[in-house]
Amino acid sequence: MIPTIPIPAKDGIANPAPLGLCAFGMTTVLLNLHNAGFYELNTMILSMGLFYGGIAQVIAGVIESKKNNTFGLTAFTSYGFFWISLVGLIVFPKFGWAPKASDGAMAAYLIIWGIFTLFLFFGTLKLNRALQVVFATLVILFFLLAAEHATGNESIGKFAGYEGLICGASAIYAGMANLLNEVYGKTVLPLG
């Protein structure tokens, strides 16, 4: 079990987890506000997906590699490129660079990400409860979104939006817990 009280970095490299978790969480919340029906898909979501959810997570993943954290490297870099690829799936057809992905193709895309996330969830069982919640809710989110595309049932997508808000909020919490616990040198927000 990873200690919940932060240990000062002996390698001189800052902890990239708050950046990666907040980038993932905030982008997930904003996209799922759209999925839940609060507003249309717009440039705010695409920009967050590309720059914060995408590039910032890739940067966090690279820093995790410097810290010799294979789990962090794999998770942050993969989900960073997930966001970048999702933006590509939305934007490429608008520029005429490729045809729009069919619902079947989107279901396959989301299923493969769900399976990948399920394997990472098993890795969190050796980490902390906060990360277990993030990854468990993300597995559910991917499979709900895949079900929406596979069935054409928009109510599943709307439900997925609300579930995605929980996922994103849990990632923001985990990111802020890592940050505040480190800044204060004690457990301010428990990670479990």
N, C-alpha and C. Protein backbone atom coordinates (compact mmCIF):
# COMPACT_ATOMS: atom_id res chain seq x y z
N MET A 1 0.85 -1.18 0.00
CA MET A 1 0.00 0.00 0.00
C MET A 1 0.89 1.23 0.00
N ILE A 2 0.59 2.19 -0.86
CA ILE A 2 1.34 3.45 -0.91
C ILE A 2 0.95 4.28 0.30
N PRO A 3 1.92 4.87 1.00
CA PRO A 3 1.58 5.68 2.17
C PRO A 3 0.73 6.89 1.78
N THR A 4 -0.19 7.27 2.68
CA THR A 4 -1.03 8.43 2.40
C THR A 4 -0.35 9.72 2.84
N ILE A 5 0.65 9.62 3.70
CA ILE A 5 1.42 10.80 4.08
C ILE A 5 2.54 10.94 3.05
N PRO A 6 2.64 12.10 2.41
CA PRO A 6 3.65 12.25 1.35
C PRO A 6 5.07 12.15 1.90
N ILE A 7 5.92 11.58 1.11
CA ILE A 7 7.34 11.47 1.43
C ILE A 7 8.07 12.41 0.47
N PRO A 8 8.90 13.31 1.01
CA PRO A 8 9.61 14.24 0.12
C PRO A 8 10.39 13.48 -0.96
N ALA A 9 10.36 14.02 -2.17
CA ALA A 9 11.05 13.39 -3.29
C ALA A 9 12.55 13.50 -3.09
N LYS A 10 13.21 12.35 -3.10
CA LYS A 10 14.67 12.33 -2.96
C LYS A 10 15.35 12.51 -4.31
N ASP A 11 14.58 12.33 -5.37
CA ASP A 11 15.16 12.42 -6.71
C ASP A 11 15.10 13.84 -7.28
N GLY A 12 14.49 14.77 -6.55
CA GLY A 12 14.41 16.15 -7.01
C GLY A 12 13.39 16.39 -8.10
N ILE A 13 12.58 15.39 -8.41
CA ILE A 13 11.56 15.52 -9.45
C ILE A 13 10.19 15.64 -8.78
N ALA A 14 9.45 16.65 -9.16
CA ALA A 14 8.13 16.88 -8.57
C ALA A 14 7.18 15.73 -8.88
N ASN A 15 6.18 15.58 -8.04
CA ASN A 15 5.14 14.57 -8.20
C ASN A 15 4.20 15.00 -9.33
N PRO A 16 4.15 14.26 -10.44
CA PRO A 16 3.29 14.64 -11.56
C PRO A 16 1.84 14.19 -11.41
N ALA A 17 1.53 13.40 -10.37
CA ALA A 17 0.18 12.85 -10.22
C ALA A 17 -0.90 13.93 -10.11
N PRO A 18 -0.70 15.01 -9.33
CA PRO A 18 -1.75 16.03 -9.28
C PRO A 18 -2.06 16.62 -10.66
N LEU A 19 -1.03 16.90 -11.45
CA LEU A 19 -1.25 17.43 -12.80
C LEU A 19 -2.04 16.43 -13.63
N GLY A 20 -1.58 15.20 -13.68
CA GLY A 20 -2.24 14.19 -14.50
C GLY A 20 -3.66 13.92 -14.08
N LEU A 21 -3.89 13.78 -12.79
CA LEU A 21 -5.24 13.48 -12.30
C LEU A 21 -6.19 14.66 -12.51
N CYS A 22 -5.71 15.88 -12.26
CA CYS A 22 -6.58 17.04 -12.47
C CYS A 22 -6.85 17.26 -13.96
N ALA A 23 -5.86 17.05 -14.81
CA ALA A 23 -6.07 17.19 -16.25
C ALA A 23 -7.12 16.19 -16.72
N PHE A 24 -6.99 14.94 -16.26
CA PHE A 24 -7.97 13.93 -16.63
C PHE A 24 -9.34 14.29 -16.05
N GLY A 25 -9.38 14.61 -14.75
CA GLY A 25 -10.65 14.85 -14.07
C GLY A 25 -11.42 16.04 -14.59
N MET A 26 -10.74 17.16 -14.76
CA MET A 26 -11.43 18.37 -15.21
C MET A 26 -11.95 18.21 -16.64
N THR A 27 -11.15 17.58 -17.50
CA THR A 27 -11.58 17.35 -18.87
C THR A 27 -12.76 16.38 -18.91
N THR A 28 -12.71 15.35 -18.08
CA THR A 28 -13.79 14.37 -18.00
C THR A 28 -15.08 15.02 -17.51
N VAL A 29 -14.99 15.88 -16.51
CA VAL A 29 -16.18 16.58 -16.03
C VAL A 29 -16.80 17.41 -17.14
N LEU A 30 -15.98 18.19 -17.83
CA LEU A 30 -16.53 19.07 -18.87
C LEU A 30 -17.17 18.28 -20.02
N LEU A 31 -16.52 17.20 -20.46
CA LEU A 31 -17.12 16.39 -21.52
C LEU A 31 -18.41 15.75 -21.05
N ASN A 32 -18.46 15.31 -19.82
CA ASN A 32 -19.65 14.62 -19.35
C ASN A 32 -20.78 15.56 -18.97
N LEU A 33 -20.49 16.83 -18.75
CA LEU A 33 -21.57 17.81 -18.67
C LEU A 33 -22.29 17.87 -20.02
N HIS A 34 -21.50 17.77 -21.11
CA HIS A 34 -22.10 17.68 -22.44
C HIS A 34 -22.88 16.38 -22.59
N ASN A 35 -22.26 15.25 -22.23
CA ASN A 35 -22.93 13.96 -22.37
C ASN A 35 -24.25 13.90 -21.59
N ALA A 36 -24.28 14.57 -20.43
CA ALA A 36 -25.49 14.60 -19.61
C ALA A 36 -26.55 15.55 -20.17
N GLY A 37 -26.17 16.33 -21.19
CA GLY A 37 -27.14 17.19 -21.86
C GLY A 37 -27.15 18.64 -21.43
N PHE A 38 -26.13 19.11 -20.72
CA PHE A 38 -26.13 20.49 -20.24
C PHE A 38 -25.74 21.50 -21.30
N TYR A 39 -24.95 21.10 -22.29
CA TYR A 39 -24.59 21.98 -23.40
C TYR A 39 -24.06 21.16 -24.56
N GLU A 40 -23.94 21.81 -25.70
CA GLU A 40 -23.51 21.13 -26.93
C GLU A 40 -22.02 20.85 -26.90
N LEU A 41 -21.58 19.95 -27.77
CA LEU A 41 -20.15 19.71 -27.96
C LEU A 41 -19.58 20.97 -28.62
N ASN A 42 -18.56 21.55 -28.00
CA ASN A 42 -18.05 22.83 -28.50
C ASN A 42 -16.54 22.93 -28.36
N THR A 43 -16.00 24.07 -28.77
CA THR A 43 -14.54 24.25 -28.75
C THR A 43 -13.95 24.20 -27.34
N MET A 44 -14.73 24.55 -26.34
CA MET A 44 -14.23 24.48 -24.97
C MET A 44 -13.85 23.03 -24.64
N ILE A 45 -14.71 22.09 -24.98
CA ILE A 45 -14.44 20.68 -24.69
C ILE A 45 -13.27 20.19 -25.55
N LEU A 46 -13.27 20.54 -26.83
CA LEU A 46 -12.20 20.09 -27.72
C LEU A 46 -10.85 20.67 -27.30
N SER A 47 -10.81 21.92 -26.90
CA SER A 47 -9.57 22.53 -26.45
C SER A 47 -9.07 21.89 -25.16
N MET A 48 -9.97 21.68 -24.21
CA MET A 48 -9.58 20.99 -22.97
C MET A 48 -9.07 19.60 -23.28
N GLY A 49 -9.75 18.89 -24.18
CA GLY A 49 -9.35 17.55 -24.53
C GLY A 49 -7.97 17.50 -25.16
N LEU A 50 -7.68 18.43 -26.02
CA LEU A 50 -6.39 18.46 -26.71
C LEU A 50 -5.27 18.92 -25.79
N PHE A 51 -5.46 20.05 -25.14
CA PHE A 51 -4.37 20.68 -24.42
C PHE A 51 -4.21 20.24 -22.97
N TYR A 52 -5.29 20.18 -22.21
CA TYR A 52 -5.14 19.83 -20.79
C TYR A 52 -5.31 18.33 -20.58
N GLY A 53 -6.42 17.77 -21.03
CA GLY A 53 -6.61 16.33 -20.92
C GLY A 53 -5.57 15.57 -21.72
N GLY A 54 -5.18 16.12 -22.86
CA GLY A 54 -4.23 15.44 -23.74
C GLY A 54 -2.78 15.73 -23.41
N ILE A 55 -2.32 16.90 -23.79
CA ILE A 55 -0.89 17.23 -23.67
C ILE A 55 -0.42 17.24 -22.22
N ALA A 56 -1.20 17.81 -21.30
CA ALA A 56 -0.76 17.86 -19.90
C ALA A 56 -0.60 16.46 -19.31
N GLN A 57 -1.50 15.54 -19.68
CA GLN A 57 -1.36 14.18 -19.17
C GLN A 57 -0.15 13.46 -19.77
N VAL A 58 0.13 13.70 -21.03
CA VAL A 58 1.32 13.11 -21.64
C VAL A 58 2.57 13.61 -20.90
N ILE A 59 2.60 14.91 -20.61
CA ILE A 59 3.74 15.47 -19.85
C ILE A 59 3.83 14.80 -18.48
N ALA A 60 2.70 14.64 -17.80
CA ALA A 60 2.70 13.97 -16.49
C ALA A 60 3.22 12.54 -16.62
N GLY A 61 2.82 11.86 -17.68
CA GLY A 61 3.30 10.50 -17.89
C GLY A 61 4.80 10.42 -18.10
N VAL A 62 5.33 11.37 -18.87
CA VAL A 62 6.78 11.41 -19.11
C VAL A 62 7.52 11.64 -17.79
N ILE A 63 6.99 12.53 -16.96
CA ILE A 63 7.62 12.78 -15.66
C ILE A 63 7.54 11.53 -14.78
N GLU A 64 6.42 10.79 -14.87
CA GLU A 64 6.30 9.54 -14.10
C GLU A 64 7.39 8.56 -14.52
N SER A 65 7.75 8.56 -15.81
CA SER A 65 8.83 7.65 -16.24
C SER A 65 10.14 8.04 -15.59
N LYS A 66 10.37 9.34 -15.41
CA LYS A 66 11.59 9.81 -14.74
C LYS A 66 11.61 9.38 -13.28
N LYS A 67 10.42 9.19 -12.71
CA LYS A 67 10.29 8.75 -11.32
C LYS A 67 10.24 7.22 -11.22
N ASN A 68 10.41 6.54 -12.34
CA ASN A 68 10.40 5.08 -12.41
C ASN A 68 9.05 4.49 -11.98
N ASN A 69 7.96 5.19 -12.35
CA ASN A 69 6.61 4.74 -12.02
C ASN A 69 5.94 4.26 -13.31
N THR A 70 6.02 2.96 -13.56
CA THR A 70 5.48 2.39 -14.79
C THR A 70 3.97 2.56 -14.86
N PHE A 71 3.27 2.40 -13.73
CA PHE A 71 1.81 2.57 -13.73
C PHE A 71 1.45 3.99 -14.13
N GLY A 72 2.07 4.98 -13.49
CA GLY A 72 1.79 6.38 -13.81
C GLY A 72 2.14 6.73 -15.25
N LEU A 73 3.28 6.23 -15.72
CA LEU A 73 3.68 6.44 -17.12
C LEU A 73 2.62 5.90 -18.06
N THR A 74 2.21 4.66 -17.83
CA THR A 74 1.25 4.01 -18.72
C THR A 74 -0.11 4.69 -18.67
N ALA A 75 -0.59 4.98 -17.47
CA ALA A 75 -1.93 5.58 -17.33
C ALA A 75 -1.96 6.99 -17.90
N PHE A 76 -1.11 7.87 -17.42
CA PHE A 76 -1.19 9.27 -17.85
C PHE A 76 -0.90 9.44 -19.34
N THR A 77 0.12 8.75 -19.83
CA THR A 77 0.45 8.89 -21.25
C THR A 77 -0.67 8.32 -22.12
N SER A 78 -1.18 7.17 -21.74
CA SER A 78 -2.26 6.55 -22.52
C SER A 78 -3.51 7.42 -22.53
N TYR A 79 -3.95 7.89 -21.37
CA TYR A 79 -5.17 8.71 -21.35
C TYR A 79 -4.94 10.08 -21.97
N GLY A 80 -3.72 10.58 -21.92
CA GLY A 80 -3.41 11.81 -22.64
C GLY A 80 -3.62 11.62 -24.13
N PHE A 81 -3.11 10.52 -24.64
CA PHE A 81 -3.30 10.24 -26.06
C PHE A 81 -4.73 9.81 -26.37
N PHE A 82 -5.45 9.27 -25.39
CA PHE A 82 -6.89 9.01 -25.58
C PHE A 82 -7.60 10.32 -25.90
N TRP A 83 -7.34 11.35 -25.08
CA TRP A 83 -8.01 12.63 -25.30
C TRP A 83 -7.64 13.22 -26.65
N ILE A 84 -6.37 13.14 -27.01
CA ILE A 84 -5.94 13.67 -28.30
C ILE A 84 -6.61 12.90 -29.44
N SER A 85 -6.68 11.57 -29.31
CA SER A 85 -7.33 10.77 -30.36
C SER A 85 -8.82 11.04 -30.43
N LEU A 86 -9.45 11.28 -29.27
CA LEU A 86 -10.89 11.58 -29.27
C LEU A 86 -11.16 12.90 -30.00
N VAL A 87 -10.32 13.89 -29.74
CA VAL A 87 -10.46 15.16 -30.47
C VAL A 87 -10.27 14.90 -31.97
N GLY A 88 -9.30 14.08 -32.32
CA GLY A 88 -9.10 13.73 -33.73
C GLY A 88 -10.32 13.07 -34.34
N LEU A 89 -10.95 12.17 -33.61
CA LEU A 89 -12.15 11.49 -34.11
C LEU A 89 -13.28 12.49 -34.40
N ILE A 90 -13.32 13.55 -33.62
CA ILE A 90 -14.38 14.56 -33.79
C ILE A 90 -14.01 15.57 -34.88
N VAL A 91 -12.75 15.99 -34.90
CA VAL A 91 -12.32 17.09 -35.77
C VAL A 91 -11.95 16.64 -37.18
N PHE A 92 -11.29 15.50 -37.34
CA PHE A 92 -10.84 15.07 -38.67
C PHE A 92 -11.95 15.06 -39.71
N PRO A 93 -13.13 14.52 -39.38
CA PRO A 93 -14.19 14.53 -40.40
C PRO A 93 -14.63 15.94 -40.79
N LYS A 94 -14.57 16.87 -39.84
CA LYS A 94 -14.99 18.24 -40.13
C LYS A 94 -14.05 18.93 -41.11
N PHE A 95 -12.78 18.52 -41.12
CA PHE A 95 -11.81 19.04 -42.07
C PHE A 95 -11.76 18.23 -43.36
N GLY A 96 -12.54 17.15 -43.40
CA GLY A 96 -12.54 16.29 -44.58
C GLY A 96 -11.33 15.38 -44.67
N TRP A 97 -10.63 15.18 -43.56
CA TRP A 97 -9.43 14.36 -43.56
C TRP A 97 -9.74 12.87 -43.51
N ALA A 98 -10.90 12.53 -43.00
CA ALA A 98 -11.31 11.12 -42.90
C ALA A 98 -12.81 11.09 -42.65
N PRO A 99 -13.46 9.99 -43.04
CA PRO A 99 -14.89 9.90 -42.76
C PRO A 99 -15.15 9.80 -41.26
N LYS A 100 -16.33 10.23 -40.86
CA LYS A 100 -16.73 10.14 -39.46
C LYS A 100 -16.80 8.67 -39.05
N ALA A 101 -16.34 8.36 -37.84
CA ALA A 101 -16.40 6.99 -37.32
C ALA A 101 -17.86 6.58 -37.15
N SER A 102 -18.19 5.40 -37.56
CA SER A 102 -19.55 4.88 -37.39
C SER A 102 -19.80 4.59 -35.91
N ASP A 103 -21.06 4.38 -35.57
CA ASP A 103 -21.37 4.02 -34.19
C ASP A 103 -20.70 2.71 -33.81
N GLY A 104 -20.64 1.77 -34.73
CA GLY A 104 -19.96 0.50 -34.45
C GLY A 104 -18.48 0.70 -34.19
N ALA A 105 -17.85 1.57 -34.97
CA ALA A 105 -16.43 1.87 -34.77
C ALA A 105 -16.21 2.57 -33.43
N MET A 106 -17.09 3.49 -33.09
CA MET A 106 -16.97 4.18 -31.80
C MET A 106 -17.17 3.21 -30.64
N ALA A 107 -18.11 2.27 -30.80
CA ALA A 107 -18.32 1.26 -29.75
C ALA A 107 -17.05 0.44 -29.56
N ALA A 108 -16.41 0.03 -30.67
CA ALA A 108 -15.17 -0.74 -30.58
C ALA A 108 -14.07 0.08 -29.90
N TYR A 109 -13.95 1.35 -30.27
CA TYR A 109 -12.96 2.26 -29.67
C TYR A 109 -13.16 2.34 -28.16
N LEU A 110 -14.41 2.53 -27.74
CA LEU A 110 -14.71 2.67 -26.32
C LEU A 110 -14.55 1.36 -25.57
N ILE A 111 -14.88 0.24 -26.21
CA ILE A 111 -14.71 -1.07 -25.57
C ILE A 111 -13.24 -1.36 -25.32
N ILE A 112 -12.38 -1.09 -26.30
CA ILE A 112 -10.96 -1.38 -26.12
C ILE A 112 -10.38 -0.51 -25.00
N TRP A 113 -10.83 0.73 -24.90
CA TRP A 113 -10.39 1.59 -23.80
C TRP A 113 -10.95 1.09 -22.47
N GLY A 114 -12.16 0.55 -22.49
CA GLY A 114 -12.73 -0.02 -21.26
C GLY A 114 -11.95 -1.23 -20.79
N ILE A 115 -11.55 -2.09 -21.71
CA ILE A 115 -10.76 -3.28 -21.35
C ILE A 115 -9.40 -2.85 -20.80
N PHE A 116 -8.75 -1.92 -21.48
CA PHE A 116 -7.46 -1.38 -21.01
C PHE A 116 -7.60 -0.83 -19.60
N THR A 117 -8.66 -0.07 -19.36
CA THR A 117 -8.90 0.55 -18.06
C THR A 117 -9.18 -0.50 -17.00
N LEU A 118 -9.87 -1.56 -17.36
CA LEU A 118 -10.13 -2.64 -16.41
C LEU A 118 -8.82 -3.26 -15.93
N PHE A 119 -7.87 -3.48 -16.85
CA PHE A 119 -6.57 -4.01 -16.44
C PHE A 119 -5.85 -3.02 -15.52
N LEU A 120 -5.92 -1.74 -15.83
CA LEU A 120 -5.29 -0.75 -14.95
C LEU A 120 -5.99 -0.71 -13.59
N PHE A 121 -7.31 -0.91 -13.58
CA PHE A 121 -8.04 -0.95 -12.30
C PHE A 121 -7.43 -2.03 -11.40
N PHE A 122 -7.11 -3.19 -11.96
CA PHE A 122 -6.50 -4.25 -11.14
C PHE A 122 -5.18 -3.78 -10.55
N GLY A 123 -4.45 -2.95 -11.27
CA GLY A 123 -3.22 -2.37 -10.74
C GLY A 123 -3.48 -1.46 -9.56
N THR A 124 -4.62 -0.75 -9.55
CA THR A 124 -4.91 0.16 -8.44
C THR A 124 -5.20 -0.59 -7.15
N LEU A 125 -5.47 -1.87 -7.23
CA LEU A 125 -5.74 -2.63 -6.01
C LEU A 125 -4.51 -2.69 -5.11
N LYS A 126 -3.33 -2.38 -5.67
CA LYS A 126 -2.10 -2.30 -4.88
C LYS A 126 -1.78 -0.84 -4.51
N LEU A 127 -2.65 0.09 -4.88
CA LEU A 127 -2.38 1.51 -4.64
C LEU A 127 -3.31 2.05 -3.55
N ASN A 128 -4.22 2.94 -3.87
CA ASN A 128 -5.09 3.50 -2.83
C ASN A 128 -6.55 3.55 -3.29
N ARG A 129 -7.45 3.75 -2.34
CA ARG A 129 -8.89 3.74 -2.62
C ARG A 129 -9.29 4.83 -3.60
N ALA A 130 -8.67 6.00 -3.49
CA ALA A 130 -9.04 7.10 -4.38
C ALA A 130 -8.82 6.70 -5.83
N LEU A 131 -7.68 6.08 -6.13
CA LEU A 131 -7.42 5.65 -7.50
C LEU A 131 -8.32 4.49 -7.90
N GLN A 132 -8.67 3.64 -6.96
CA GLN A 132 -9.60 2.55 -7.25
C GLN A 132 -10.95 3.10 -7.70
N VAL A 133 -11.41 4.15 -7.04
CA VAL A 133 -12.69 4.77 -7.43
C VAL A 133 -12.57 5.40 -8.82
N VAL A 134 -11.48 6.11 -9.07
CA VAL A 134 -11.29 6.74 -10.39
C VAL A 134 -11.35 5.68 -11.49
N PHE A 135 -10.59 4.63 -11.34
CA PHE A 135 -10.50 3.63 -12.40
C PHE A 135 -11.76 2.77 -12.50
N ALA A 136 -12.39 2.45 -11.37
CA ALA A 136 -13.64 1.67 -11.42
C ALA A 136 -14.73 2.46 -12.14
N THR A 137 -14.87 3.74 -11.80
CA THR A 137 -15.90 4.55 -12.45
C THR A 137 -15.56 4.79 -13.92
N LEU A 138 -14.27 4.82 -14.26
CA LEU A 138 -13.89 5.00 -15.66
C LEU A 138 -14.20 3.75 -16.48
N VAL A 139 -13.99 2.57 -15.90
CA VAL A 139 -14.36 1.33 -16.59
C VAL A 139 -15.86 1.36 -16.91
N ILE A 140 -16.66 1.71 -15.92
CA ILE A 140 -18.12 1.77 -16.12
C ILE A 140 -18.46 2.79 -17.20
N LEU A 141 -17.80 3.95 -17.15
CA LEU A 141 -18.07 5.01 -18.12
C LEU A 141 -17.79 4.54 -19.55
N PHE A 142 -16.63 3.93 -19.76
CA PHE A 142 -16.31 3.47 -21.12
C PHE A 142 -17.34 2.46 -21.62
N PHE A 143 -17.74 1.52 -20.78
CA PHE A 143 -18.70 0.51 -21.23
C PHE A 143 -20.10 1.09 -21.44
N LEU A 144 -20.48 2.08 -20.62
CA LEU A 144 -21.77 2.74 -20.85
C LEU A 144 -21.75 3.50 -22.18
N LEU A 145 -20.67 4.22 -22.45
CA LEU A 145 -20.59 4.96 -23.71
C LEU A 145 -20.55 4.01 -24.91
N ALA A 146 -19.87 2.88 -24.76
CA ALA A 146 -19.85 1.87 -25.82
C ALA A 146 -21.26 1.33 -26.05
N ALA A 147 -21.99 1.09 -24.96
CA ALA A 147 -23.37 0.58 -25.08
C ALA A 147 -24.26 1.59 -25.79
N GLU A 148 -24.05 2.87 -25.50
CA GLU A 148 -24.84 3.89 -26.20
C GLU A 148 -24.59 3.82 -27.71
N HIS A 149 -23.34 3.73 -28.11
CA HIS A 149 -23.03 3.68 -29.54
C HIS A 149 -23.47 2.37 -30.18
N ALA A 150 -23.39 1.28 -29.44
CA ALA A 150 -23.78 -0.03 -29.98
C ALA A 150 -25.29 -0.15 -30.16
N THR A 151 -26.05 0.51 -29.28
CA THR A 151 -27.51 0.37 -29.31
C THR A 151 -28.22 1.58 -29.91
N GLY A 152 -27.55 2.73 -29.95
CA GLY A 152 -28.20 3.96 -30.40
C GLY A 152 -29.13 4.55 -29.34
N ASN A 153 -29.07 4.04 -28.13
CA ASN A 153 -29.93 4.49 -27.04
C ASN A 153 -29.31 5.72 -26.36
N GLU A 154 -29.86 6.89 -26.66
CA GLU A 154 -29.31 8.14 -26.13
C GLU A 154 -29.46 8.26 -24.62
N SER A 155 -30.46 7.59 -24.03
CA SER A 155 -30.64 7.68 -22.58
C SER A 155 -29.47 7.01 -21.86
N ILE A 156 -28.86 5.98 -22.47
CA ILE A 156 -27.66 5.38 -21.88
C ILE A 156 -26.53 6.41 -21.87
N GLY A 157 -26.41 7.16 -22.96
CA GLY A 157 -25.38 8.19 -23.04
C GLY A 157 -25.59 9.29 -22.02
N LYS A 158 -26.83 9.66 -21.79
CA LYS A 158 -27.12 10.69 -20.79
C LYS A 158 -26.78 10.18 -19.39
N PHE A 159 -27.16 8.93 -19.11
CA PHE A 159 -26.81 8.32 -17.83
C PHE A 159 -25.29 8.25 -17.68
N ALA A 160 -24.61 7.89 -18.77
CA ALA A 160 -23.14 7.84 -18.77
C ALA A 160 -22.57 9.21 -18.42
N GLY A 161 -23.21 10.26 -18.90
CA GLY A 161 -22.75 11.61 -18.58
C GLY A 161 -22.74 11.87 -17.09
N TYR A 162 -23.81 11.47 -16.41
CA TYR A 162 -23.86 11.66 -14.96
C TYR A 162 -22.83 10.78 -14.25
N GLU A 163 -22.67 9.55 -14.72
CA GLU A 163 -21.66 8.66 -14.13
C GLU A 163 -20.27 9.23 -14.39
N GLY A 164 -20.06 9.82 -15.57
CA GLY A 164 -18.78 10.43 -15.90
C GLY A 164 -18.45 11.63 -15.02
N LEU A 165 -19.47 12.33 -14.55
CA LEU A 165 -19.23 13.43 -13.61
C LEU A 165 -18.63 12.90 -12.31
N ILE A 166 -19.11 11.74 -11.87
CA ILE A 166 -18.57 11.12 -10.66
C ILE A 166 -17.12 10.71 -10.91
N CYS A 167 -16.87 10.11 -12.07
CA CYS A 167 -15.50 9.70 -12.42
C CYS A 167 -14.56 10.90 -12.43
N GLY A 168 -14.95 11.95 -13.14
CA GLY A 168 -14.10 13.14 -13.23
C GLY A 168 -13.88 13.80 -11.88
N ALA A 169 -14.95 13.90 -11.09
CA ALA A 169 -14.82 14.51 -9.77
C ALA A 169 -13.90 13.69 -8.87
N SER A 170 -13.97 12.37 -8.99
CA SER A 170 -13.10 11.52 -8.16
C SER A 170 -11.63 11.71 -8.56
N ALA A 171 -11.36 11.93 -9.84
CA ALA A 171 -9.99 12.17 -10.28
C ALA A 171 -9.49 13.53 -9.79
N ILE A 172 -10.36 14.53 -9.83
CA ILE A 172 -9.98 15.85 -9.30
C ILE A 172 -9.66 15.74 -7.81
N TYR A 173 -10.51 15.02 -7.09
CA TYR A 173 -10.27 14.82 -5.65
C TYR A 173 -8.91 14.15 -5.43
N ALA A 174 -8.63 13.08 -6.16
CA ALA A 174 -7.37 12.36 -5.98
C ALA A 174 -6.17 13.27 -6.30
N GLY A 175 -6.30 14.08 -7.34
CA GLY A 175 -5.24 15.01 -7.70
C GLY A 175 -5.02 16.06 -6.62
N MET A 176 -6.10 16.63 -6.13
CA MET A 176 -5.99 17.66 -5.09
C MET A 176 -5.51 17.06 -3.77
N ALA A 177 -5.91 15.82 -3.47
CA ALA A 177 -5.43 15.16 -2.25
C ALA A 177 -3.92 14.97 -2.33
N ASN A 178 -3.43 14.51 -3.47
CA ASN A 178 -1.98 14.36 -3.64
C ASN A 178 -1.27 15.69 -3.45
N LEU A 179 -1.81 16.74 -4.06
CA LEU A 179 -1.19 18.06 -4.00
C LEU A 179 -1.21 18.63 -2.58
N LEU A 180 -2.40 18.68 -1.98
CA LEU A 180 -2.52 19.30 -0.66
C LEU A 180 -1.80 18.50 0.42
N ASN A 181 -1.85 17.18 0.33
CA ASN A 181 -1.13 16.37 1.31
C ASN A 181 0.37 16.62 1.24
N GLU A 182 0.87 16.80 0.03
CA GLU A 182 2.30 17.08 -0.14
C GLU A 182 2.65 18.48 0.35
N VAL A 183 1.83 19.46 0.00
CA VAL A 183 2.10 20.85 0.41
C VAL A 183 2.09 20.99 1.93
N TYR A 184 1.11 20.35 2.58
CA TYR A 184 0.99 20.48 4.04
C TYR A 184 1.82 19.46 4.81
N GLY A 185 2.36 18.46 4.11
CA GLY A 185 3.19 17.46 4.80
C GLY A 185 2.41 16.56 5.73
N LYS A 186 1.11 16.48 5.52
CA LYS A 186 0.24 15.61 6.31
C LYS A 186 -1.00 15.28 5.50
N THR A 187 -1.81 14.37 6.00
CA THR A 187 -3.03 14.00 5.29
C THR A 187 -4.09 15.08 5.51
N VAL A 188 -4.33 15.86 4.47
CA VAL A 188 -5.39 16.87 4.48
C VAL A 188 -6.65 16.23 3.90
N LEU A 189 -6.49 15.55 2.77
CA LEU A 189 -7.57 14.79 2.14
C LEU A 189 -7.10 13.35 2.04
N PRO A 190 -7.81 12.43 2.69
CA PRO A 190 -7.35 11.03 2.67
C PRO A 190 -7.48 10.39 1.29
N LEU A 191 -6.50 9.56 0.98
CA LEU A 191 -6.51 8.80 -0.27
C LEU A 191 -7.00 7.36 -0.04
N GLY A 192 -7.00 6.93 1.21
CA GLY A 192 -7.52 5.60 1.58
C GLY A 192 -6.62 4.46 1.33
